[in-house]
C-alpha atoms as a PDB file:
ATOM      1  CA  MET A   1     143.129   9.614 173.009  1.00  0.00           C
ATOM      2  CA  SER A   2     141.621  11.341 170.199  1.00  0.00           C
ATOM      3  CA  PHE A   3     144.023  13.262 168.294  1.00  0.00           C
ATOM      4  CA  LYS A   4     142.645  16.827 167.061  1.00  0.00           C
ATOM      5  CA  ASN A   5     144.993  17.657 164.700  1.00  0.00           C
ATOM      6  CA  LEU A   6     146.886  14.651 163.681  1.00  0.00           C
ATOM      7  CA  SER A   7     145.847  12.265 161.242  1.00  0.00           C
ATOM      8  CA  SER A   8     148.754   9.858 160.372  1.00  0.00           C
ATOM      9  CA  ILE A   9     152.122   8.665 160.985  1.00  0.00           C
ATOM     10  CA  THR A  10     155.244   7.927 158.763  1.00  0.00           C
ATOM     11  CA  ILE A  11     156.967   5.152 159.707  1.00  0.00           C
ATOM     12  CA  PHE A  12     160.479   4.539 158.171  1.00  0.00           C
ATOM     13  CA  GLY A  13     162.870   1.783 158.783  1.00  0.00           C
ATOM     14  CA  PHE A  14     165.067  -1.068 157.550  1.00  0.00           C
ATOM     15  CA  ALA A  15     163.612  -3.376 154.958  1.00  0.00           C
ATOM     16  CA  ASP A  16     165.651  -6.773 155.421  1.00  0.00           C
ATOM     17  CA  CYS A  17     164.457  -7.770 159.111  1.00  0.00           C
ATOM     18  CA  PRO A  18     162.142 -10.925 159.026  1.00  0.00           C
ATOM     19  CA  PRO A  19     159.214 -11.112 161.234  1.00  0.00           C
ATOM     20  CA  SER A  20     161.427 -12.698 163.877  1.00  0.00           C
ATOM     21  CA  ASP A  21     163.607  -9.849 164.348  1.00  0.00           C
ATOM     22  CA  PRO A  22     162.765  -7.752 167.403  1.00  0.00           C
ATOM     23  CA  LEU A  23     163.108  -4.480 165.479  1.00  0.00           C
ATOM     24  CA  TYR A  24     159.762  -5.946 163.245  1.00  0.00           C
ATOM     25  CA  LYS A  25     158.271  -6.709 166.623  1.00  0.00           C
ATOM     26  CA  GLU A  26     158.911  -3.574 168.128  1.00  0.00           C
ATOM     27  CA  THR A  27     157.693  -1.805 164.839  1.00  0.00           C
ATOM     28  CA  VAL A  28     154.392  -3.862 165.183  1.00  0.00           C
ATOM     29  CA  GLU A  29     153.921  -2.830 168.959  1.00  0.00           C
ATOM     30  CA  ILE A  30     154.298   0.983 167.598  1.00  0.00           C
ATOM     31  CA  ALA A  31     152.177   0.944 164.869  1.00  0.00           C
ATOM     32  CA  LYS A  32     149.307  -0.912 167.003  1.00  0.00           C
ATOM     33  CA  LEU A  33     149.494   2.046 169.619  1.00  0.00           C
ATOM     34  CA  LEU A  34     149.420   4.588 167.443  1.00  0.00           C
ATOM     35  CA  ALA A  35     146.275   3.180 165.112  1.00  0.00           C
ATOM     36  CA  GLU A  36     144.312   2.301 168.168  1.00  0.00           C
ATOM     37  CA  ASN A  37     144.753   6.348 169.118  1.00  0.00           C
ATOM     38  CA  GLY A  38     142.996   6.690 165.910  1.00  0.00           C
ATOM     39  CA  LEU A  39     146.033   7.308 163.701  1.00  0.00           C
ATOM     40  CA  GLU A  40     146.435   6.111 160.165  1.00  0.00           C
ATOM     41  CA  ILE A  41     149.980   4.385 159.417  1.00  0.00           C
ATOM     42  CA  VAL A  42     151.786   5.404 156.253  1.00  0.00           C
ATOM     43  CA  ASN A  43     155.146   3.307 155.009  1.00  0.00           C
ATOM     44  CA  GLY A  44     156.694   2.580 151.988  1.00  0.00           C
ATOM     45  CA  GLY A  45     155.156  -0.586 151.090  1.00  0.00           C
ATOM     46  CA  GLY A  46     158.111  -2.877 151.134  1.00  0.00           C
ATOM     47  CA  PRO A  47     159.139  -5.896 153.397  1.00  0.00           C
ATOM     48  CA  GLY A  48     160.406  -5.400 157.103  1.00  0.00           C
ATOM     49  CA  VAL A  49     159.676  -2.558 159.072  1.00  0.00           C
ATOM     50  CA  MET A  50     157.182  -1.660 156.707  1.00  0.00           C
ATOM     51  CA  ARG A  51     155.137  -4.627 156.394  1.00  0.00           C
ATOM     52  CA  ALA A  52     155.583  -4.673 160.227  1.00  0.00           C
ATOM     53  CA  ALA A  53     153.865  -0.821 160.164  1.00  0.00           C
ATOM     54  CA  THR A  54     151.120  -2.113 158.086  1.00  0.00           C
ATOM     55  CA  GLU A  55     150.716  -5.546 160.205  1.00  0.00           C
ATOM     56  CA  GLY A  56     150.644  -3.176 163.631  1.00  0.00           C
ATOM     57  CA  ALA A  57     148.250  -0.632 161.977  1.00  0.00           C
ATOM     58  CA  HIS A  58     145.524  -3.651 161.454  1.00  0.00           C
ATOM     59  CA  ALA A  59     145.843  -5.134 164.340  1.00  0.00           C
ATOM     60  CA  GLY A  60     145.184  -1.959 166.281  1.00  0.00           C
ATOM     61  CA  GLY A  61     141.767  -1.645 164.281  1.00  0.00           C
ATOM     62  CA  GLY A  62     143.583   0.926 161.979  1.00  0.00           C
ATOM     63  CA  LYS A  63     144.488   1.772 158.238  1.00  0.00           C
ATOM     64  CA  ALA A  64     147.563   1.705 156.316  1.00  0.00           C
ATOM     65  CA  VAL A  65     148.563   3.556 153.549  1.00  0.00           C
ATOM     66  CA  VAL A  66     152.221   2.671 151.363  1.00  0.00           C
ATOM     67  CA  ALA A  67     153.799   4.927 148.626  1.00  0.00           C
ATOM     68  CA  THR A  68     155.277   3.114 146.276  1.00  0.00           C
ATOM     69  CA  PHE A  69     157.233   2.957 142.901  1.00  0.00           C
ATOM     70  CA  TYR A  70     157.813   0.309 140.447  1.00  0.00           C
ATOM     71  CA  PRO A  71     161.680   0.393 139.411  1.00  0.00           C
ATOM     72  CA  LYS A  72     163.146  -1.084 136.230  1.00  0.00           C
ATOM     73  CA  TYR A  73     166.874  -0.819 137.252  1.00  0.00           C
ATOM     74  CA  ILE A  74     167.606  -0.255 140.784  1.00  0.00           C
ATOM     75  CA  GLU A  75     169.128  -3.712 141.802  1.00  0.00           C
ATOM     76  CA  ASN A  76     169.399  -2.906 145.627  1.00  0.00           C
ATOM     77  CA  PHE A  77     165.537  -1.653 145.615  1.00  0.00           C
ATOM     78  CA  GLU A  78     163.329  -3.771 147.867  1.00  0.00           C
ATOM     79  CA  GLY A  79     160.220  -3.045 145.933  1.00  0.00           C
ATOM     80  CA  LYS A  80     156.543  -3.642 146.791  1.00  0.00           C
ATOM     81  CA  ASP A  81     156.163  -6.299 148.921  1.00  0.00           C
ATOM     82  CA  PRO A  82     153.288  -8.548 148.082  1.00  0.00           C
ATOM     83  CA  GLU A  83     152.595  -9.312 152.024  1.00  0.00           C
ATOM     84  CA  ASN A  84     152.031  -5.786 152.885  1.00  0.00           C
ATOM     85  CA  LYS A  85     148.513  -5.512 152.301  1.00  0.00           C
ATOM     86  CA  ALA A  86     147.874  -2.070 153.217  1.00  0.00           C
ATOM     87  CA  ASP A  87     144.182  -0.525 152.598  1.00  0.00           C
ATOM     88  CA  LYS A  88     145.729   1.849 150.050  1.00  0.00           C
ATOM     89  CA  GLU A  89     148.715   2.348 147.936  1.00  0.00           C
ATOM     90  CA  VAL A  90     150.130   5.332 146.118  1.00  0.00           C
ATOM     91  CA  ILE A  91     152.203   4.986 143.262  1.00  0.00           C
ATOM     92  CA  MET A  92     155.348   7.328 142.310  1.00  0.00           C
ATOM     93  CA  ASN A  93     157.691   7.716 139.798  1.00  0.00           C
ATOM     94  CA  ASN A  94     160.911   7.374 140.971  1.00  0.00           C
ATOM     95  CA  TYR A  95     162.493   6.656 144.497  1.00  0.00           C
ATOM     96  CA  VAL A  96     163.003  10.327 145.110  1.00  0.00           C
ATOM     97  CA  ASP A  97     159.186  11.372 144.484  1.00  0.00           C
ATOM     98  CA  ARG A  98     158.478   8.507 146.546  1.00  0.00           C
ATOM     99  CA  THR A  99     160.112   9.633 149.773  1.00  0.00           C
ATOM    100  CA  MET A 100     158.918  13.019 149.158  1.00  0.00           C
ATOM    101  CA  LYS A 101     155.360  11.531 149.148  1.00  0.00           C
ATOM    102  CA  LEU A 102     155.987   9.594 152.147  1.00  0.00           C
ATOM    103  CA  LEU A 103     156.984  12.827 153.944  1.00  0.00           C
ATOM    104  CA  GLU A 104     153.649  14.092 152.693  1.00  0.00           C
ATOM    105  CA  LEU A 105     151.611  11.605 153.791  1.00  0.00           C
ATOM    106  CA  GLY A 106     152.488  11.670 157.340  1.00  0.00           C
ATOM    107  CA  ASN A 107     151.796  14.755 159.978  1.00  0.00           C
ATOM    108  CA  ALA A 108     154.555  13.126 161.754  1.00  0.00           C
ATOM    109  CA  TYR A 109     157.603  10.758 161.523  1.00  0.00           C
ATOM    110  CA  VAL A 110     159.196   7.948 163.489  1.00  0.00           C
ATOM    111  CA  VAL A 111     162.293   6.797 162.427  1.00  0.00           C
ATOM    112  CA  MET A 112     162.872   2.986 163.446  1.00  0.00           C
ATOM    113  CA  ASN A 113     166.722   1.096 162.917  1.00  0.00           C
ATOM    114  CA  GLY A 114     167.969   1.078 159.262  1.00  0.00           C
ATOM    115  CA  GLY A 115     170.293   1.069 156.618  1.00  0.00           C
ATOM    116  CA  THR A 116     171.109   3.456 154.079  1.00  0.00           C
ATOM    117  CA  GLY A 117     167.515   4.391 152.408  1.00  0.00           C
ATOM    118  CA  THR A 118     166.170   4.963 156.084  1.00  0.00           C
ATOM    119  CA  LEU A 119     169.215   7.137 156.713  1.00  0.00           C
ATOM    120  CA  SER A 120     168.437   9.097 153.536  1.00  0.00           C
ATOM    121  CA  GLU A 121     164.750   9.612 154.713  1.00  0.00           C
ATOM    122  CA  LEU A 122     166.076  10.628 158.089  1.00  0.00           C
ATOM    123  CA  GLY A 123     168.228  13.257 156.547  1.00  0.00           C
ATOM    124  CA  MET A 124     165.242  14.678 154.422  1.00  0.00           C
ATOM    125  CA  ALA A 125     162.832  14.943 157.418  1.00  0.00           C
ATOM    126  CA  TRP A 126     165.157  16.464 159.657  1.00  0.00           C
ATOM    127  CA  GLY A 127     166.647  19.069 156.890  1.00  0.00           C
ATOM    128  CA  LEU A 128     163.480  20.289 156.420  1.00  0.00           C
ATOM    129  CA  ALA A 129     162.226  20.205 159.860  1.00  0.00           C
ATOM    130  CA  TYR A 130     165.441  22.597 160.339  1.00  0.00           C
ATOM    131  CA  LEU A 131     164.242  24.756 157.455  1.00  0.00           C
ATOM    132  CA  TYR A 132     160.765  25.103 158.406  1.00  0.00           C
ATOM    133  CA  PHE A 133     161.150  24.811 162.096  1.00  0.00           C
ATOM    134  CA  GLY A 134     157.990  26.267 163.812  1.00  0.00           C
ATOM    135  CA  ARG A 135     155.804  24.633 161.272  1.00  0.00           C
ATOM    136  CA  HIS A 136     157.938  21.500 161.156  1.00  0.00           C
ATOM    137  CA  LYS A 137     156.404  17.960 161.724  1.00  0.00           C
ATOM    138  CA  PRO A 138     157.597  16.429 164.761  1.00  0.00           C
ATOM    139  CA  LEU A 139     160.384  13.738 164.189  1.00  0.00           C
ATOM    140  CA  ILE A 140     160.831  10.924 166.412  1.00  0.00           C
ATOM    141  CA  LEU A 141     163.849   8.665 166.511  1.00  0.00           C
ATOM    142  CA  TYR A 142     162.680   5.360 168.283  1.00  0.00           C
ATOM    143  CA  GLY A 143     165.428   3.435 169.964  1.00  0.00           C
ATOM    144  CA  ASP A 144     168.525   4.280 172.691  1.00  0.00           C
ATOM    145  CA  PHE A 145     170.982   3.735 170.029  1.00  0.00           C
ATOM    146  CA  TRP A 146     170.110   7.308 168.478  1.00  0.00           C
ATOM    147  CA  PHE A 147     171.553   9.025 171.702  1.00  0.00           C
ATOM    148  CA  PRO A 148     175.066   8.379 170.800  1.00  0.00           C
ATOM    149  CA  ILE A 149     174.371   8.438 167.213  1.00  0.00           C
ATOM    150  CA  MET A 150     173.321  11.941 167.249  1.00  0.00           C
ATOM    151  CA  GLU A 151     175.685  12.842 170.022  1.00  0.00           C
ATOM    152  CA  SER A 152     178.409  11.928 167.677  1.00  0.00           C
ATOM    153  CA  LEU A 153     176.830  14.262 164.314  1.00  0.00           C
ATOM    154  CA  VAL A 154     176.435  17.113 166.995  1.00  0.00           C
ATOM    155  CA  SER A 155     180.173  16.933 168.415  1.00  0.00           C
ATOM    156  CA  ASN A 156     181.656  16.208 164.727  1.00  0.00           C
ATOM    157  CA  MET A 157     179.836  18.443 162.560  1.00  0.00           C
ATOM    158  CA  ARG A 158     178.642  22.078 162.279  1.00  0.00           C
ATOM    159  CA  ILE A 159     175.003  20.954 163.247  1.00  0.00           C
ATOM    160  CA  GLY A 160     175.368  22.458 167.191  1.00  0.00           C
ATOM    161  CA  ASP A 161     175.690  26.015 165.040  1.00  0.00           C
ATOM    162  CA  ARG A 162     172.270  25.921 164.433  1.00  0.00           C
ATOM    163  CA  PRO A 163     170.434  25.390 167.635  1.00  0.00           C
ATOM    164  CA  GLY A 164     167.066  24.736 166.057  1.00  0.00           C
ATOM    165  CA  SER A 165     168.017  21.478 164.051  1.00  0.00           C
ATOM    166  CA  LEU A 166     168.430  20.166 167.582  1.00  0.00           C
ATOM    167  CA  ARG A 167     164.698  21.103 168.567  1.00  0.00           C
ATOM    168  CA  VAL A 168     163.050  19.590 165.972  1.00  0.00           C
ATOM    169  CA  TYR A 169     163.749  15.718 167.021  1.00  0.00           C
ATOM    170  CA  ARG A 170     162.639  13.498 169.966  1.00  0.00           C
ATOM    171  CA  ILE A 171     164.359  10.232 171.052  1.00  0.00           C
ATOM    172  CA  ALA A 172     161.407   7.892 172.382  1.00  0.00           C
ATOM    173  CA  THR A 173     162.338   4.389 174.092  1.00  0.00           C
ATOM    174  CA  THR A 174     158.548   2.729 174.298  1.00  0.00           C
ATOM    175  CA  PRO A 175     155.762   2.820 172.326  1.00  0.00           C
ATOM    176  CA  GLU A 176     153.921   4.943 175.344  1.00  0.00           C
ATOM    177  CA  MET A 177     156.621   7.425 174.886  1.00  0.00           C
ATOM    178  CA  VAL A 178     155.902   8.023 171.392  1.00  0.00           C
ATOM    179  CA  VAL A 179     152.273   8.235 171.866  1.00  0.00           C
ATOM    180  CA  LYS A 180     153.272  11.081 174.414  1.00  0.00           C
ATOM    181  CA  TYR A 181     155.264  12.983 172.210  1.00  0.00           C
ATOM    182  CA  LEU A 182     152.545  12.989 169.785  1.00  0.00           C
ATOM    183  CA  GLU A 183     150.119  14.117 172.195  1.00  0.00           C
ATOM    184  CA  GLU A 184     152.395  17.053 173.459  1.00  0.00           C
ATOM    185  CA  PHE A 185     152.741  17.903 169.493  1.00  0.00           C
ATOM    186  CA  ASP A 186     149.104  17.960 169.252  1.00  0.00           C
ATOM    187  CA  GLU A 187     148.482  19.661 172.764  1.00  0.00           C
ATOM    188  CA  GLU A 188     150.722  22.741 171.124  1.00  0.00           C
ATOM    189  CA  LEU A 189     148.702  22.814 168.118  1.00  0.00           C
ATOM    190  CA  SER A 190     145.619  23.333 170.078  1.00  0.00           C
ATOM    191  CA  LYS A 191     146.641  25.918 172.150  1.00  0.00           C
ATOM    192  CA  GLY A 192     148.015  27.958 169.052  1.00  0.00           C
ATOM    193  CA  GLU A 193     151.579  27.436 170.166  1.00  0.00           C
ATOM    194  CA  ARG A 194     152.465  25.749 166.709  1.00  0.00           C
ATOM    195  CA  GLU A 195     151.293  26.328 163.210  1.00  0.00           C
ATOM    196  CA  ASN A 196     150.013  23.423 161.820  1.00  0.00           C
ATOM    197  CA  PRO A 197     152.368  21.933 159.556  1.00  0.00           C
ATOM    198  CA  HIS A 198     151.484  21.541 155.539  1.00  0.00           C
ATOM    199  CA  PHE A 199     154.891  22.527 154.005  1.00  0.00           C
ATOM    200  CA  HIS A 200     155.448  19.004 152.190  1.00  0.00           C
ATOM    201  CA  THR A 201     152.218  19.420 150.228  1.00  0.00           C
ATOM    202  CA  HIS A 202     153.790  22.576 148.572  1.00  0.00           C
ATOM    203  CA  LEU A 203     156.649  20.796 147.814  1.00  0.00           C
ATOM    204  CA  ILE A 204     154.740  18.160 146.079  1.00  0.00           C
ATOM    205  CA  GLU A 205     152.785  20.298 144.034  1.00  0.00           C
ATOM    206  CA  ASP A 206     155.940  21.968 142.835  1.00  0.00           C
ATOM    207  CA  GLY A 207     156.859  18.608 141.219  1.00  0.00           C
ATOM    208  CA  SER A 208     155.893  17.546 137.688  1.00  0.00           C
ATOM    209  CA  GLY A 209     155.193  13.773 138.693  1.00  0.00           C
ATOM    210  CA  GLU A 210     151.819  12.050 138.253  1.00  0.00           C
ATOM    211  CA  GLU A 211     150.705   9.482 141.095  1.00  0.00           C
ATOM    212  CA  ALA A 212     148.373   6.779 140.662  1.00  0.00           C
ATOM    213  CA  PHE A 213     146.191   5.755 143.653  1.00  0.00           C
ATOM    214  CA  VAL A 214     145.230   1.858 144.422  1.00  0.00           C
ATOM    215  CA  GLU A 215     142.586   1.168 146.806  1.00  0.00           C
ATOM    216  CA  HIS A 216     143.165  -2.433 148.265  1.00  0.00           C
END
């Protein structure tokens, strides 16, 4: 299909999975299907799920954009993967600005399995979606393992006291479900049932970091 209101999707996930990992292969499939439906794929420019997202974008005849930064003192940060051959690179000054740029560039988010970095990205995306409820960007958690995780969070934290926070995400278990949820969101925008979400742009504009753009 051709999306009327969506143009790009940011994919978050585990940096350390090799191409032989089922998670890597799932990401390629999702990104490929999204690209076949005319969506640009955004990721953090690293290895693992990020590289898989770029690979899937190209396999689907689409383009990939990465937001990166080049640290000097962060030992556990994966950095830019030379095998992640995106079409465009946006270079940020630090890890936090990179995260915010990834949130800005995507009209929606797909969160795969991952580690602490993925959790931080999920937390920021989820928190912003609640704060800007009604103008929020759709948040799709991929994989049935998310069901017990989200149930545990709701039962053990005070998330249930804020019902809107439970309405900003969906859990998908197939690439086709991801597209279906995005189609539903796109249709809501077309009917005027939702406002177009631009809030992340304002957050970036309030910052002082400079960006560098690299065409590949």
